[in-house]
Amino acid sequence: MKPNIFAVIALMMMSRVGFGVEIHSGDIVAPQSDNNGTIFVIHPNTGNREVFSLYPSIGTGPQMSRPTSIAALPNGGFLVTDTFTHPALTLINGTTGNRTDITTGEFQTVLLDGGNPILVGDGSVYRVNISTGVKTLISGQNVGSGPQFSFGGAGGAVLGANGDVIVGSYGSSAVYDINLTTGARSILSGSGHGSGPSLSNIMDVAALPSGQIIAEGRDFTVSPAVNELFRIDSITGNRTLISTGPYPDNEYERLALGANGQLLGSVPSLNAIFSIDPTTGARTLISGDGLGSGPNLFWGDMVVVVPEPSSIILLSCGIAIMAVALHRRSMCRQSSSIR
């Protein structure tokens, strides 16, 4: 009996399945800073939310607490930086939800640039060997030149278009550029660098496909307090205010990029995730705040599952096979009708 070509293609399009939770291309995986470190899978087409990893019921391994960052590995797994009662870099198995600690320490962000993972902590940047857990200091603590940086209680980091680490600091209301080769640090925007409206206390940063940096800030110097979304030129540091709105329902504590390069933002006060227009600031609800079923969102970082190159090739082959099969079937029907 020949396999059903449509079933084969459907299987190839599915990224992975674990404990009944299917993670598809374009889905959002979001660890929650809920004192339990719950890992959600969010399906943007419906807004539905499912628990993918949670001590002790789903997946084995340590109990997580207040995750701050997540990155997707090429093999389908995820790296999560955790804090509070469980300060560690933790590997989440992409199929089972099992949790394995890679190294200890409190870090704000984990980033991937094709080499060993990058860990950004308060005033320091490390490379960590994912096999051994050994960390190597790249910048900070008298390594690398330039002004020291600190998160100041919040903030975030992202890889810039030039391959440097871009850090948004809450305490100093500035954006730093850190060279991963030399460890050199410089201020990209804020504190007298770049023109435009002043940056407020930065909650997180994201890098658009264009190379521009998006920063979200909290401004308590005005009453009532507001949140501000900035676009920053990655070369000049010049700033443009995209949008502003009342605190806290416009506070994107975590920013990320969606499957199509759109900007995503999580708003804790609304227990919601939005897609945000990086030009106008207009937003569209994706999940939470009454949209989608499943457990309520708390707040946390986000990563979007995209097709791996091998998956794209397999899918293309599957579509080609299906096209050939349909063509042959059509030819056979035409031949029969001629007879």
C-alpha atoms as a PDB file:
ATOM      1  CA  MET A   1       0.000   0.000   0.000  1.00  0.00           C
ATOM      2  CA  LYS A   2       1.448   3.364  -1.059  1.00  0.00           C
ATOM      3  CA  PRO A   3       1.721   6.131   1.555  1.00  0.00           C
ATOM      4  CA  ASN A   4      -0.725   9.039   1.358  1.00  0.00           C
ATOM      5  CA  ILE A   5       1.338  11.938  -0.006  1.00  0.00           C
ATOM      6  CA  PHE A   6      -0.813  14.489   1.820  1.00  0.00           C
ATOM      7  CA  ALA A   7      -0.190  12.748   5.149  1.00  0.00           C
ATOM      8  CA  VAL A   8       3.545  12.697   4.457  1.00  0.00           C
ATOM      9  CA  ILE A   9       3.607  16.441   3.769  1.00  0.00           C
ATOM     10  CA  ALA A  10       1.525  17.144   6.873  1.00  0.00           C
ATOM     11  CA  LEU A  11       4.047  15.266   8.979  1.00  0.00           C
ATOM     12  CA  MET A  12       6.938  17.177   7.436  1.00  0.00           C
ATOM     13  CA  MET A  13       5.284  20.516   8.182  1.00  0.00           C
ATOM     14  CA  MET A  14       4.972  19.655  11.863  1.00  0.00           C
ATOM     15  CA  SER A  15       8.018  20.830  13.795  1.00  0.00           C
ATOM     16  CA  ARG A  16       7.817  18.551  16.815  1.00  0.00           C
ATOM     17  CA  VAL A  17       5.416  16.942  19.255  1.00  0.00           C
ATOM     18  CA  GLY A  18       5.889  16.520  22.986  1.00  0.00           C
ATOM     19  CA  PHE A  19       3.412  15.268  25.613  1.00  0.00           C
ATOM     20  CA  GLY A  20       0.543  15.927  23.211  1.00  0.00           C
ATOM     21  CA  VAL A  21       1.658  19.538  22.606  1.00  0.00           C
ATOM     22  CA  GLU A  22       2.405  20.200  18.961  1.00  0.00           C
ATOM     23  CA  ILE A  23       4.888  22.972  18.171  1.00  0.00           C
ATOM     24  CA  HIS A  24       4.491  24.213  14.616  1.00  0.00           C
ATOM     25  CA  SER A  25       6.411  26.690  12.514  1.00  0.00           C
ATOM     26  CA  GLY A  26       5.421  30.188  13.602  1.00  0.00           C
ATOM     27  CA  ASP A  27       4.356  29.174  17.111  1.00  0.00           C
ATOM     28  CA  ILE A  28       5.576  31.223  20.067  1.00  0.00           C
ATOM     29  CA  VAL A  29       7.397  29.522  22.932  1.00  0.00           C
ATOM     30  CA  ALA A  30       7.306  31.682  26.052  1.00  0.00           C
ATOM     31  CA  PRO A  31       8.703  30.955  29.521  1.00  0.00           C
ATOM     32  CA  GLN A  32       6.655  32.671  32.219  1.00  0.00           C
ATOM     33  CA  SER A  33       8.175  34.575  35.133  1.00  0.00           C
ATOM     34  CA  ASP A  34       5.480  33.209  37.444  1.00  0.00           C
ATOM     35  CA  ASN A  35       7.744  31.740  40.165  1.00  0.00           C
ATOM     36  CA  ASN A  36       7.194  28.330  38.538  1.00  0.00           C
ATOM     37  CA  GLY A  37       9.016  28.883  35.241  1.00  0.00           C
ATOM     38  CA  THR A  38       6.088  27.569  33.209  1.00  0.00           C
ATOM     39  CA  ILE A  39       6.922  27.174  29.495  1.00  0.00           C
ATOM     40  CA  PHE A  40       3.984  27.953  27.201  1.00  0.00           C
ATOM     41  CA  VAL A  41       3.450  27.206  23.530  1.00  0.00           C
ATOM     42  CA  ILE A  42       1.208  29.822  21.932  1.00  0.00           C
ATOM     43  CA  HIS A  43      -0.474  29.224  18.584  1.00  0.00           C
ATOM     44  CA  PRO A  44      -0.859  32.635  16.864  1.00  0.00           C
ATOM     45  CA  ASN A  45      -3.506  31.370  14.420  1.00  0.00           C
ATOM     46  CA  THR A  46      -5.914  30.731  17.314  1.00  0.00           C
ATOM     47  CA  GLY A  47      -4.330  32.472  20.303  1.00  0.00           C
ATOM     48  CA  ASN A  48      -4.569  29.196  22.218  1.00  0.00           C
ATOM     49  CA  ARG A  49      -1.976  28.486  24.918  1.00  0.00           C
ATOM     50  CA  GLU A  50      -0.615  25.129  26.080  1.00  0.00           C
ATOM     51  CA  VAL A  51       1.871  24.188  28.798  1.00  0.00           C
ATOM     52  CA  PHE A  52       4.965  22.574  27.314  1.00  0.00           C
ATOM     53  CA  SER A  53       7.250  22.234  30.359  1.00  0.00           C
ATOM     54  CA  LEU A  54       6.445  22.605  34.065  1.00  0.00           C
ATOM     55  CA  TYR A  55       7.861  21.032  37.205  1.00  0.00           C
ATOM     56  CA  PRO A  56       6.873  18.420  38.351  1.00  0.00           C
ATOM     57  CA  SER A  57       4.064  17.442  35.983  1.00  0.00           C
ATOM     58  CA  ILE A  58       5.432  18.032  32.468  1.00  0.00           C
ATOM     59  CA  GLY A  59       9.036  17.129  31.696  1.00  0.00           C
ATOM     60  CA  THR A  60      11.698  16.041  34.154  1.00  0.00           C
ATOM     61  CA  GLY A  61      14.467  18.133  35.683  1.00  0.00           C
ATOM     62  CA  PRO A  62      14.827  21.093  38.046  1.00  0.00           C
ATOM     63  CA  GLN A  63      12.034  23.441  39.035  1.00  0.00           C
ATOM     64  CA  MET A  64      12.405  26.798  37.316  1.00  0.00           C
ATOM     65  CA  SER A  65      11.415  30.143  38.812  1.00  0.00           C
ATOM     66  CA  ARG A  66      11.580  33.517  37.004  1.00  0.00           C
ATOM     67  CA  PRO A  67      12.955  33.101  33.462  1.00  0.00           C
ATOM     68  CA  THR A  68      14.177  36.241  31.714  1.00  0.00           C
ATOM     69  CA  SER A  69      15.183  35.070  28.226  1.00  0.00           C
ATOM     70  CA  ILE A  70      14.835  32.195  25.748  1.00  0.00           C
ATOM     71  CA  ALA A  71      16.647  31.167  22.546  1.00  0.00           C
ATOM     72  CA  ALA A  72      15.826  28.395  20.058  1.00  0.00           C
ATOM     73  CA  LEU A  73      18.558  25.879  19.215  1.00  0.00           C
ATOM     74  CA  PRO A  74      18.935  24.407  15.707  1.00  0.00           C
ATOM     75  CA  ASN A  75      18.183  20.912  17.049  1.00  0.00           C
ATOM     76  CA  GLY A  76      14.735  21.959  18.238  1.00  0.00           C
ATOM     77  CA  GLY A  77      15.611  22.543  21.889  1.00  0.00           C
ATOM     78  CA  PHE A  78      15.531  25.809  23.827  1.00  0.00           C
ATOM     79  CA  LEU A  79      17.918  27.618  26.167  1.00  0.00           C
ATOM     80  CA  VAL A  80      16.380  29.602  29.014  1.00  0.00           C
ATOM     81  CA  THR A  81      18.035  31.937  31.513  1.00  0.00           C
ATOM     82  CA  ASP A  82      16.398  31.579  34.903  1.00  0.00           C
ATOM     83  CA  THR A  83      16.699  33.719  38.060  1.00  0.00           C
ATOM     84  CA  PHE A  84      15.550  34.103  41.665  1.00  0.00           C
ATOM     85  CA  THR A  85      15.499  30.685  43.405  1.00  0.00           C
ATOM     86  CA  HIS A  86      17.029  28.886  40.401  1.00  0.00           C
ATOM     87  CA  PRO A  87      19.753  31.073  38.823  1.00  0.00           C
ATOM     88  CA  ALA A  88      20.893  28.985  35.861  1.00  0.00           C
ATOM     89  CA  LEU A  89      21.018  28.492  32.107  1.00  0.00           C
ATOM     90  CA  THR A  90      18.639  25.617  31.443  1.00  0.00           C
ATOM     91  CA  LEU A  91      18.216  23.449  28.362  1.00  0.00           C
ATOM     92  CA  ILE A  92      14.605  22.534  27.513  1.00  0.00           C
ATOM     93  CA  ASN A  93      14.196  19.442  25.340  1.00  0.00           C
ATOM     94  CA  GLY A  94      12.061  20.433  22.343  1.00  0.00           C
ATOM     95  CA  THR A  95      10.226  17.107  22.290  1.00  0.00           C
ATOM     96  CA  THR A  96       9.786  16.088  25.912  1.00  0.00           C
ATOM     97  CA  GLY A  97       9.947  19.370  27.825  1.00  0.00           C
ATOM     98  CA  ASN A  98      12.695  17.888  30.026  1.00  0.00           C
ATOM     99  CA  ARG A  99      14.900  20.449  31.786  1.00  0.00           C
ATOM    100  CA  THR A 100      18.681  20.183  32.206  1.00  0.00           C
ATOM    101  CA  ASP A 101      20.867  22.861  33.790  1.00  0.00           C
ATOM    102  CA  ILE A 102      23.885  23.791  31.643  1.00  0.00           C
ATOM    103  CA  THR A 103      25.568  26.225  34.040  1.00  0.00           C
ATOM    104  CA  THR A 104      24.702  28.297  37.093  1.00  0.00           C
ATOM    105  CA  GLY A 105      24.572  32.061  37.460  1.00  0.00           C
ATOM    106  CA  GLU A 106      22.021  34.841  37.105  1.00  0.00           C
ATOM    107  CA  PHE A 107      21.867  36.189  33.562  1.00  0.00           C
ATOM    108  CA  GLN A 108      19.420  38.540  31.896  1.00  0.00           C
ATOM    109  CA  THR A 109      19.690  37.256  28.328  1.00  0.00           C
ATOM    110  CA  VAL A 110      20.862  34.274  26.279  1.00  0.00           C
ATOM    111  CA  LEU A 111      21.742  34.908  22.612  1.00  0.00           C
ATOM    112  CA  LEU A 112      22.800  32.692  19.706  1.00  0.00           C
ATOM    113  CA  ASP A 113      25.126  33.812  16.908  1.00  0.00           C
ATOM    114  CA  GLY A 114      26.149  30.454  15.436  1.00  0.00           C
ATOM    115  CA  GLY A 115      28.849  29.750  18.020  1.00  0.00           C
ATOM    116  CA  ASN A 116      28.591  28.829  21.683  1.00  0.00           C
ATOM    117  CA  PRO A 117      25.713  30.658  23.395  1.00  0.00           C
ATOM    118  CA  ILE A 118      26.250  34.202  24.686  1.00  0.00           C
ATOM    119  CA  LEU A 119      25.145  35.061  28.210  1.00  0.00           C
ATOM    120  CA  VAL A 120      24.591  38.691  29.175  1.00  0.00           C
ATOM    121  CA  GLY A 121      24.538  39.444  32.878  1.00  0.00           C
ATOM    122  CA  ASP A 122      24.600  42.648  34.884  1.00  0.00           C
ATOM    123  CA  GLY A 123      27.769  44.315  33.548  1.00  0.00           C
ATOM    124  CA  SER A 124      29.276  41.245  31.890  1.00  0.00           C
ATOM    125  CA  VAL A 125      29.112  39.145  28.727  1.00  0.00           C
ATOM    126  CA  TYR A 126      30.172  35.489  28.576  1.00  0.00           C
ATOM    127  CA  ARG A 127      30.467  32.623  26.120  1.00  0.00           C
ATOM    128  CA  VAL A 128      29.345  29.328  27.590  1.00  0.00           C
ATOM    129  CA  ASN A 129      30.364  25.894  26.332  1.00  0.00           C
ATOM    130  CA  ILE A 130      27.026  24.142  26.017  1.00  0.00           C
ATOM    131  CA  SER A 131      28.662  20.721  26.522  1.00  0.00           C
ATOM    132  CA  THR A 132      30.730  21.509  29.621  1.00  0.00           C
ATOM    133  CA  GLY A 133      29.003  24.572  31.076  1.00  0.00           C
ATOM    134  CA  VAL A 134      32.330  26.406  31.296  1.00  0.00           C
ATOM    135  CA  LYS A 135      31.908  30.179  30.912  1.00  0.00           C
ATOM    136  CA  THR A 136      34.477  32.498  29.324  1.00  0.00           C
ATOM    137  CA  LEU A 137      34.299  36.218  30.082  1.00  0.00           C
ATOM    138  CA  ILE A 138      34.178  38.356  26.917  1.00  0.00           C
ATOM    139  CA  SER A 139      33.454  41.806  28.308  1.00  0.00           C
ATOM    140  CA  GLY A 140      33.140  43.414  31.725  1.00  0.00           C
ATOM    141  CA  GLN A 141      35.011  43.026  35.013  1.00  0.00           C
ATOM    142  CA  ASN A 142      38.145  44.718  33.589  1.00  0.00           C
ATOM    143  CA  VAL A 143      37.913  42.816  30.292  1.00  0.00           C
ATOM    144  CA  GLY A 144      37.419  45.074  27.252  1.00  0.00           C
ATOM    145  CA  SER A 145      37.576  48.850  27.061  1.00  0.00           C
ATOM    146  CA  GLY A 146      34.863  51.473  27.352  1.00  0.00           C
ATOM    147  CA  PRO A 147      32.146  52.445  29.822  1.00  0.00           C
ATOM    148  CA  GLN A 148      30.763  49.806  32.144  1.00  0.00           C
ATOM    149  CA  PHE A 149      27.104  48.936  31.784  1.00  0.00           C
ATOM    150  CA  SER A 150      24.492  47.542  34.127  1.00  0.00           C
ATOM    151  CA  PHE A 151      20.885  46.592  33.605  1.00  0.00           C
ATOM    152  CA  GLY A 152      19.792  48.432  36.710  1.00  0.00           C
ATOM    153  CA  GLY A 153      17.014  45.986  37.565  1.00  0.00           C
ATOM    154  CA  ALA A 154      15.480  45.472  34.119  1.00  0.00           C
ATOM    155  CA  GLY A 155      16.584  45.948  30.496  1.00  0.00           C
ATOM    156  CA  GLY A 156      17.512  43.415  27.850  1.00  0.00           C
ATOM    157  CA  ALA A 157      19.966  42.489  25.105  1.00  0.00           C
ATOM    158  CA  VAL A 158      19.895  41.437  21.456  1.00  0.00           C
ATOM    159  CA  LEU A 159      22.335  40.700  18.647  1.00  0.00           C
ATOM    160  CA  GLY A 160      22.761  43.674  16.325  1.00  0.00           C
ATOM    161  CA  ALA A 161      23.099  43.539  12.545  1.00  0.00           C
ATOM    162  CA  ASN A 162      26.875  43.989  12.905  1.00  0.00           C
ATOM    163  CA  GLY A 163      27.162  40.925  15.149  1.00  0.00           C
ATOM    164  CA  ASP A 164      27.703  42.967  18.313  1.00  0.00           C
ATOM    165  CA  VAL A 165      25.619  42.608  21.453  1.00  0.00           C
ATOM    166  CA  ILE A 166      23.201  45.506  21.951  1.00  0.00           C
ATOM    167  CA  VAL A 167      22.271  46.099  25.597  1.00  0.00           C
ATOM    168  CA  GLY A 168      19.388  48.262  26.786  1.00  0.00           C
ATOM    169  CA  SER A 169      19.934  49.558  30.335  1.00  0.00           C
ATOM    170  CA  TYR A 170      17.056  50.455  32.614  1.00  0.00           C
ATOM    171  CA  GLY A 171      19.203  52.261  35.166  1.00  0.00           C
ATOM    172  CA  SER A 172      21.178  54.516  32.804  1.00  0.00           C
ATOM    173  CA  SER A 173      18.463  54.921  30.106  1.00  0.00           C
ATOM    174  CA  ALA A 174      21.027  54.108  27.425  1.00  0.00           C
ATOM    175  CA  VAL A 175      21.783  51.528  24.744  1.00  0.00           C
ATOM    176  CA  TYR A 176      25.275  49.990  24.651  1.00  0.00           C
ATOM    177  CA  ASP A 177      27.183  48.252  21.847  1.00  0.00           C
ATOM    178  CA  ILE A 178      29.549  45.442  22.882  1.00  0.00           C
ATOM    179  CA  ASN A 179      32.050  43.945  20.437  1.00  0.00           C
ATOM    180  CA  LEU A 180      32.271  40.183  20.906  1.00  0.00           C
ATOM    181  CA  THR A 181      35.806  39.965  19.510  1.00  0.00           C
ATOM    182  CA  THR A 182      37.505  42.657  21.566  1.00  0.00           C
ATOM    183  CA  GLY A 183      35.046  43.070  24.438  1.00  0.00           C
ATOM    184  CA  ALA A 184      35.041  46.828  23.777  1.00  0.00           C
ATOM    185  CA  ARG A 185      31.976  48.689  25.020  1.00  0.00           C
ATOM    186  CA  SER A 186      30.520  51.925  23.700  1.00  0.00           C
ATOM    187  CA  ILE A 187      27.288  53.873  24.119  1.00  0.00           C
ATOM    188  CA  LEU A 188      25.229  53.637  20.948  1.00  0.00           C
ATOM    189  CA  SER A 189      22.319  55.834  22.009  1.00  0.00           C
ATOM    190  CA  GLY A 190      21.435  57.932  25.039  1.00  0.00           C
ATOM    191  CA  SER A 191      23.663  59.748  27.548  1.00  0.00           C
ATOM    192  CA  GLY A 192      24.650  62.337  24.950  1.00  0.00           C
ATOM    193  CA  HIS A 193      24.930  59.908  22.029  1.00  0.00           C
ATOM    194  CA  GLY A 194      22.503  60.180  19.105  1.00  0.00           C
ATOM    195  CA  SER A 195      19.815  62.768  18.503  1.00  0.00           C
ATOM    196  CA  GLY A 196      16.083  62.679  19.102  1.00  0.00           C
ATOM    197  CA  PRO A 197      13.838  62.339  22.154  1.00  0.00           C
ATOM    198  CA  SER A 198      15.495  61.187  25.373  1.00  0.00           C
ATOM    199  CA  LEU A 199      15.354  57.506  26.202  1.00  0.00           C
ATOM    200  CA  SER A 200      13.389  56.499  29.277  1.00  0.00           C
ATOM    201  CA  ASN A 201      14.134  53.510  31.551  1.00  0.00           C
ATOM    202  CA  ILE A 202      14.570  50.680  29.052  1.00  0.00           C
ATOM    203  CA  MET A 203      12.670  47.450  29.647  1.00  0.00           C
ATOM    204  CA  ASP A 204      13.853  45.514  26.569  1.00  0.00           C
ATOM    205  CA  VAL A 205      15.327  45.839  23.076  1.00  0.00           C
ATOM    206  CA  ALA A 206      14.830  44.033  19.759  1.00  0.00           C
ATOM    207  CA  ALA A 207      16.592  44.174  16.385  1.00  0.00           C
ATOM    208  CA  LEU A 208      14.494  44.464  13.225  1.00  0.00           C
ATOM    209  CA  PRO A 209      15.498  42.709   9.973  1.00  0.00           C
ATOM    210  CA  SER A 210      16.431  46.189   8.682  1.00  0.00           C
ATOM    211  CA  GLY A 211      19.074  46.437  11.418  1.00  0.00           C
ATOM    212  CA  GLN A 212      17.236  49.131  13.355  1.00  0.00           C
ATOM    213  CA  ILE A 213      16.898  48.712  17.098  1.00  0.00           C
ATOM    214  CA  ILE A 214      13.562  48.918  18.900  1.00  0.00           C
ATOM    215  CA  ALA A 215      13.644  49.905  22.582  1.00  0.00           C
ATOM    216  CA  GLU A 216      10.746  49.994  25.015  1.00  0.00           C
ATOM    217  CA  GLY A 217      10.946  52.437  27.911  1.00  0.00           C
ATOM    218  CA  ARG A 218       9.123  53.257  31.123  1.00  0.00           C
ATOM    219  CA  ASP A 219       8.868  56.971  31.998  1.00  0.00           C
ATOM    220  CA  PHE A 220       7.995  57.820  35.590  1.00  0.00           C
ATOM    221  CA  THR A 221       9.150  61.454  35.285  1.00  0.00           C
ATOM    222  CA  VAL A 222       5.681  62.450  34.042  1.00  0.00           C
ATOM    223  CA  SER A 223       2.318  62.034  35.738  1.00  0.00           C
ATOM    224  CA  PRO A 224       0.561  59.831  34.925  1.00  0.00           C
ATOM    225  CA  ALA A 225       3.469  57.569  33.965  1.00  0.00           C
ATOM    226  CA  VAL A 226       3.784  56.471  30.341  1.00  0.00           C
ATOM    227  CA  ASN A 227       5.514  53.821  28.264  1.00  0.00           C
ATOM    228  CA  GLU A 228       7.434  54.732  25.138  1.00  0.00           C
ATOM    229  CA  LEU A 229       8.496  52.776  22.079  1.00  0.00           C
ATOM    230  CA  PHE A 230      11.642  54.019  20.287  1.00  0.00           C
ATOM    231  CA  ARG A 231      13.298  53.186  16.968  1.00  0.00           C
ATOM    232  CA  ILE A 232      17.089  53.630  17.068  1.00  0.00           C
ATOM    233  CA  ASP A 233      19.430  53.882  14.087  1.00  0.00           C
ATOM    234  CA  SER A 234      22.092  51.216  14.629  1.00  0.00           C
ATOM    235  CA  ILE A 235      24.810  53.415  13.066  1.00  0.00           C
ATOM    236  CA  THR A 236      24.138  56.908  14.400  1.00  0.00           C
ATOM    237  CA  GLY A 237      22.176  56.118  17.540  1.00  0.00           C
ATOM    238  CA  ASN A 238      19.550  58.665  16.492  1.00  0.00           C
ATOM    239  CA  ARG A 239      16.162  58.047  18.087  1.00  0.00           C
ATOM    240  CA  THR A 240      12.595  58.305  16.822  1.00  0.00           C
ATOM    241  CA  LEU A 241       9.610  58.009  19.144  1.00  0.00           C
ATOM    242  CA  ILE A 242       7.238  55.485  17.598  1.00  0.00           C
ATOM    243  CA  SER A 243       4.429  55.573  20.122  1.00  0.00           C
ATOM    244  CA  THR A 244       3.557  56.382  23.707  1.00  0.00           C
ATOM    245  CA  GLY A 245       0.766  55.168  25.955  1.00  0.00           C
ATOM    246  CA  PRO A 246      -0.380  55.082  29.571  1.00  0.00           C
ATOM    247  CA  TYR A 247       1.513  52.839  31.994  1.00  0.00           C
ATOM    248  CA  PRO A 248       1.135  49.886  32.566  1.00  0.00           C
ATOM    249  CA  ASP A 249      -1.163  48.713  29.753  1.00  0.00           C
ATOM    250  CA  ASN A 250       1.371  49.807  27.119  1.00  0.00           C
ATOM    251  CA  GLU A 251       4.451  48.364  28.791  1.00  0.00           C
ATOM    252  CA  TYR A 252       6.101  45.704  26.627  1.00  0.00           C
ATOM    253  CA  GLU A 253       8.340  44.085  29.222  1.00  0.00           C
ATOM    254  CA  ARG A 254       9.650  41.703  26.572  1.00  0.00           C
ATOM    255  CA  LEU A 255      10.133  42.243  22.841  1.00  0.00           C
ATOM    256  CA  ALA A 256      10.842  39.638  20.152  1.00  0.00           C
ATOM    257  CA  LEU A 257      10.568  39.073  16.405  1.00  0.00           C
ATOM    258  CA  GLY A 258       7.717  37.090  14.905  1.00  0.00           C
ATOM    259  CA  ALA A 259       7.848  34.537  12.096  1.00  0.00           C
ATOM    260  CA  ASN A 260       7.461  37.199   9.398  1.00  0.00           C
ATOM    261  CA  GLY A 261       9.811  39.707  10.995  1.00  0.00           C
ATOM    262  CA  GLN A 262       7.010  41.536  12.793  1.00  0.00           C
ATOM    263  CA  LEU A 263       7.592  42.908  16.266  1.00  0.00           C
ATOM    264  CA  LEU A 264       6.078  41.068  19.227  1.00  0.00           C
ATOM    265  CA  GLY A 265       5.535  42.507  22.691  1.00  0.00           C
ATOM    266  CA  SER A 266       4.237  40.990  25.935  1.00  0.00           C
ATOM    267  CA  VAL A 267       2.189  43.195  28.286  1.00  0.00           C
ATOM    268  CA  PRO A 268       2.024  41.749  31.825  1.00  0.00           C
ATOM    269  CA  SER A 269      -0.830  43.973  33.050  1.00  0.00           C
ATOM    270  CA  LEU A 270      -3.064  42.595  30.293  1.00  0.00           C
ATOM    271  CA  ASN A 271      -1.663  39.046  30.359  1.00  0.00           C
ATOM    272  CA  ALA A 272      -1.319  39.412  26.604  1.00  0.00           C
ATOM    273  CA  ILE A 273       1.007  39.248  23.616  1.00  0.00           C
ATOM    274  CA  PHE A 274       0.662  41.710  20.738  1.00  0.00           C
ATOM    275  CA  SER A 275       2.033  42.122  17.229  1.00  0.00           C
ATOM    276  CA  ILE A 276       3.291  45.698  16.919  1.00  0.00           C
ATOM    277  CA  ASP A 277       3.796  47.838  13.835  1.00  0.00           C
ATOM    278  CA  PRO A 278       7.375  49.174  14.293  1.00  0.00           C
ATOM    279  CA  THR A 279       6.526  52.294  12.280  1.00  0.00           C
ATOM    280  CA  THR A 280       3.274  53.428  13.874  1.00  0.00           C
ATOM    281  CA  GLY A 281       3.132  51.454  17.112  1.00  0.00           C
ATOM    282  CA  ALA A 282      -0.327  50.131  16.203  1.00  0.00           C
ATOM    283  CA  ARG A 283      -0.819  46.733  17.790  1.00  0.00           C
ATOM    284  CA  THR A 284      -2.866  43.616  17.184  1.00  0.00           C
ATOM    285  CA  LEU A 285      -3.712  41.142  19.945  1.00  0.00           C
ATOM    286  CA  ILE A 286      -2.253  37.664  19.356  1.00  0.00           C
ATOM    287  CA  SER A 287      -3.058  35.843  22.596  1.00  0.00           C
ATOM    288  CA  GLY A 288      -4.417  36.618  26.054  1.00  0.00           C
ATOM    289  CA  ASP A 289      -6.709  39.375  27.337  1.00  0.00           C
ATOM    290  CA  GLY A 290      -9.704  37.295  26.300  1.00  0.00           C
ATOM    291  CA  LEU A 291      -8.270  35.844  23.091  1.00  0.00           C
ATOM    292  CA  GLY A 292      -7.461  32.132  22.930  1.00  0.00           C
ATOM    293  CA  SER A 293      -7.985  29.291  25.370  1.00  0.00           C
ATOM    294  CA  GLY A 294      -5.612  27.790  27.919  1.00  0.00           C
ATOM    295  CA  PRO A 295      -3.787  29.031  31.029  1.00  0.00           C
ATOM    296  CA  ASN A 296      -3.456  32.772  31.541  1.00  0.00           C
ATOM    297  CA  LEU A 297      -0.254  34.472  30.460  1.00  0.00           C
ATOM    298  CA  PHE A 298       1.868  36.045  33.171  1.00  0.00           C
ATOM    299  CA  TRP A 299       4.880  37.653  31.545  1.00  0.00           C
ATOM    300  CA  GLY A 300       7.996  36.330  29.904  1.00  0.00           C
ATOM    301  CA  ASP A 301      10.313  36.345  26.936  1.00  0.00           C
ATOM    302  CA  MET A 302       9.313  34.879  23.576  1.00  0.00           C
ATOM    303  CA  VAL A 303      10.909  32.941  20.753  1.00  0.00           C
ATOM    304  CA  VAL A 304       9.185  32.039  17.491  1.00  0.00           C
ATOM    305  CA  VAL A 305       9.706  28.571  16.062  1.00  0.00           C
ATOM    306  CA  VAL A 306      10.656  28.871  12.394  1.00  0.00           C
ATOM    307  CA  PRO A 307      11.341  26.069   9.873  1.00  0.00           C
ATOM    308  CA  GLU A 308      14.879  24.716   9.907  1.00  0.00           C
ATOM    309  CA  PRO A 309      16.633  24.653   6.508  1.00  0.00           C
ATOM    310  CA  SER A 310      16.359  20.873   6.396  1.00  0.00           C
ATOM    311  CA  SER A 311      12.618  21.102   7.069  1.00  0.00           C
ATOM    312  CA  ILE A 312      12.167  23.607   4.271  1.00  0.00           C
ATOM    313  CA  ILE A 313      14.025  21.316   1.873  1.00  0.00           C
ATOM    314  CA  LEU A 314      11.939  18.331   2.916  1.00  0.00           C
ATOM    315  CA  LEU A 315       8.748  20.326   2.556  1.00  0.00           C
ATOM    316  CA  SER A 316       9.795  21.503  -0.903  1.00  0.00           C
ATOM    317  CA  CYS A 317      10.565  17.918  -1.906  1.00  0.00           C
ATOM    318  CA  GLY A 318       7.200  16.826  -0.557  1.00  0.00           C
ATOM    319  CA  ILE A 319       5.378  19.485  -2.529  1.00  0.00           C
ATOM    320  CA  ALA A 320       7.326  18.514  -5.651  1.00  0.00           C
ATOM    321  CA  ILE A 321       6.427  14.857  -5.149  1.00  0.00           C
ATOM    322  CA  MET A 322       2.785  15.775  -4.667  1.00  0.00           C
ATOM    323  CA  ALA A 323       2.846  17.890  -7.823  1.00  0.00           C
ATOM    324  CA  VAL A 324       4.333  15.023  -9.831  1.00  0.00           C
ATOM    325  CA  ALA A 325       1.765  12.607  -8.447  1.00  0.00           C
ATOM    326  CA  LEU A 326      -1.121  14.931  -9.267  1.00  0.00           C
ATOM    327  CA  HIS A 327       0.295  15.547 -12.744  1.00  0.00           C
ATOM    328  CA  ARG A 328       0.544  11.811 -13.436  1.00  0.00           C
ATOM    329  CA  ARG A 329      -2.977  11.267 -12.167  1.00  0.00           C
ATOM    330  CA  SER A 330      -4.230  14.053 -14.441  1.00  0.00           C
ATOM    331  CA  MET A 331      -2.378  12.571 -17.441  1.00  0.00           C
ATOM    332  CA  CYS A 332      -3.865   9.162 -16.777  1.00  0.00           C
ATOM    333  CA  ARG A 333      -7.374  10.626 -16.665  1.00  0.00           C
ATOM    334  CA  GLN A 334      -6.798  12.493 -19.921  1.00  0.00           C
ATOM    335  CA  SER A 335      -5.462   9.325 -21.568  1.00  0.00           C
ATOM    336  CA  SER A 336      -8.501   7.368 -20.411  1.00  0.00           C
ATOM    337  CA  SER A 337     -10.892  10.001 -21.742  1.00  0.00           C
ATOM    338  CA  ILE A 338      -9.159   9.968 -25.173  1.00  0.00           C
ATOM    339  CA  ARG A 339      -9.613   6.228 -25.399  1.00  0.00           C
END
